[in-house]
Amino acid sequence: MSVDLLCMGEPMLEYSQLPADSEGRRLYLEGFGGDTSNTAIAAARQGAGTGYVTAVGEDMGGDAFLQLWRSEGVDTSTVIRRARVFPT
């Protein structure tokens, strides 16, 4: 991997609460966050070669992050996938 900027950190799934629906159910809007993930994406959008070093789960959240980074042009070759990211 040859990149201009290599970011390392933890991405975050964010859930912003929306107004309740007509039946009173709480609704949430899922979004992506994490300063290092945002930095890698912003730099890639400006034309820099970027990579990201992190670990994500083998789940829907991990899949969503990988899809996001790849669609934004961030090198994910150093992203680790694990069934359990944190040991018990």
Protein backbone atom coordinates (compact mmCIF):
# COMPACT_ATOMS: atom_id res chain seq x y z
CA MET A 1 0.00 0.00 0.00
CA SER A 2 1.32 3.41 -0.96
CA VAL A 3 -0.74 6.30 0.40
CA ASP A 4 -0.28 9.98 1.18
CA LEU A 5 -2.18 9.73 4.45
CA LEU A 6 -2.65 6.67 6.65
CA CYS A 7 -5.28 7.08 9.36
CA MET A 8 -5.63 4.84 12.39
CA GLY A 9 -8.49 4.83 14.85
CA GLU A 10 -12.00 3.71 15.59
CA PRO A 11 -14.94 4.39 13.32
CA MET A 12 -18.31 5.03 14.90
CA LEU A 13 -21.87 4.30 13.92
CA GLU A 14 -23.99 7.20 15.11
CA TYR A 15 -27.72 7.18 15.72
CA SER A 16 -29.49 10.55 15.72
CA GLN A 17 -32.96 10.52 17.21
CA LEU A 18 -35.72 11.80 14.95
CA PRO A 19 -39.17 12.96 16.04
CA ALA A 20 -41.45 10.10 17.04
CA ASP A 21 -43.79 8.76 14.39
CA SER A 22 -47.58 9.08 14.55
CA GLU A 23 -47.77 6.00 16.79
CA GLY A 24 -45.19 7.35 19.24
CA ARG A 25 -42.36 5.04 18.16
CA ARG A 26 -38.86 6.47 18.41
CA LEU A 27 -37.01 6.67 15.13
CA TYR A 28 -33.26 6.96 14.56
CA LEU A 29 -31.15 7.97 11.59
CA GLU A 30 -27.97 5.92 11.23
CA GLY A 31 -24.83 7.75 10.20
CA PHE A 32 -21.07 7.31 10.09
CA GLY A 33 -18.61 9.05 12.34
CA GLY A 34 -15.21 8.89 13.94
CA ASP A 35 -12.65 11.61 13.41
CA THR A 36 -10.04 9.41 11.75
CA SER A 37 -12.58 7.82 9.39
CA ASN A 38 -13.91 11.27 8.48
CA THR A 39 -10.35 12.50 7.88
CA ALA A 40 -9.51 9.61 5.56
CA ILE A 41 -12.68 10.23 3.55
CA ALA A 42 -12.20 14.00 3.39
CA ALA A 43 -8.60 13.65 2.20
CA ALA A 44 -9.60 11.06 -0.41
CA ARG A 45 -12.27 13.44 -1.71
CA GLN A 46 -9.53 16.04 -2.17
CA GLY A 47 -7.48 13.63 -4.26
CA ALA A 48 -5.04 12.27 -1.66
CA GLY A 49 -4.30 8.57 -1.49
CA THR A 50 -5.62 7.48 1.89
CA GLY A 51 -5.68 4.28 3.89
CA TYR A 52 -7.30 3.27 7.14
CA VAL A 53 -5.98 1.00 9.91
CA THR A 54 -8.70 -0.36 12.18
CA ALA A 55 -10.67 -3.44 13.12
CA VAL A 56 -14.39 -3.87 12.47
CA GLY A 57 -16.79 -6.66 13.21
CA GLU A 58 -17.98 -9.33 10.83
CA ASP A 59 -21.47 -7.85 10.94
CA MET A 60 -23.71 -5.36 9.18
CA GLY A 61 -21.87 -2.40 10.73
CA GLY A 62 -18.49 -3.67 9.54
CA ASP A 63 -19.94 -4.32 6.09
CA ALA A 64 -21.36 -0.79 5.95
CA PHE A 65 -18.03 0.79 6.88
CA LEU A 66 -16.11 -1.21 4.29
CA GLN A 67 -18.63 -0.27 1.62
CA LEU A 68 -18.39 3.40 2.62
CA TRP A 69 -14.59 3.53 2.59
CA ARG A 70 -14.27 1.68 -0.69
CA SER A 71 -16.87 3.90 -2.36
CA GLU A 72 -14.91 6.95 -1.15
CA GLY A 73 -11.58 5.60 -2.45
CA VAL A 74 -10.00 4.79 0.92
CA ASP A 75 -7.60 1.82 0.87
CA THR A 76 -8.99 -0.83 3.23
CA SER A 77 -6.24 -3.42 2.85
CA THR A 78 -5.21 -2.89 6.51
CA VAL A 79 -8.73 -3.18 7.94
CA ILE A 80 -9.11 -6.32 10.07
CA ARG A 81 -12.43 -8.19 10.23
CA ARG A 82 -13.24 -10.15 13.36
CA ALA A 83 -16.27 -11.90 14.76
CA ARG A 84 -15.40 -10.22 18.07
CA VAL A 85 -13.42 -6.99 17.83
CA PHE A 86 -12.82 -6.72 21.58
CA PRO A 87 -11.75 -9.70 23.68
CA THR A 88 -13.93 -10.62 26.65
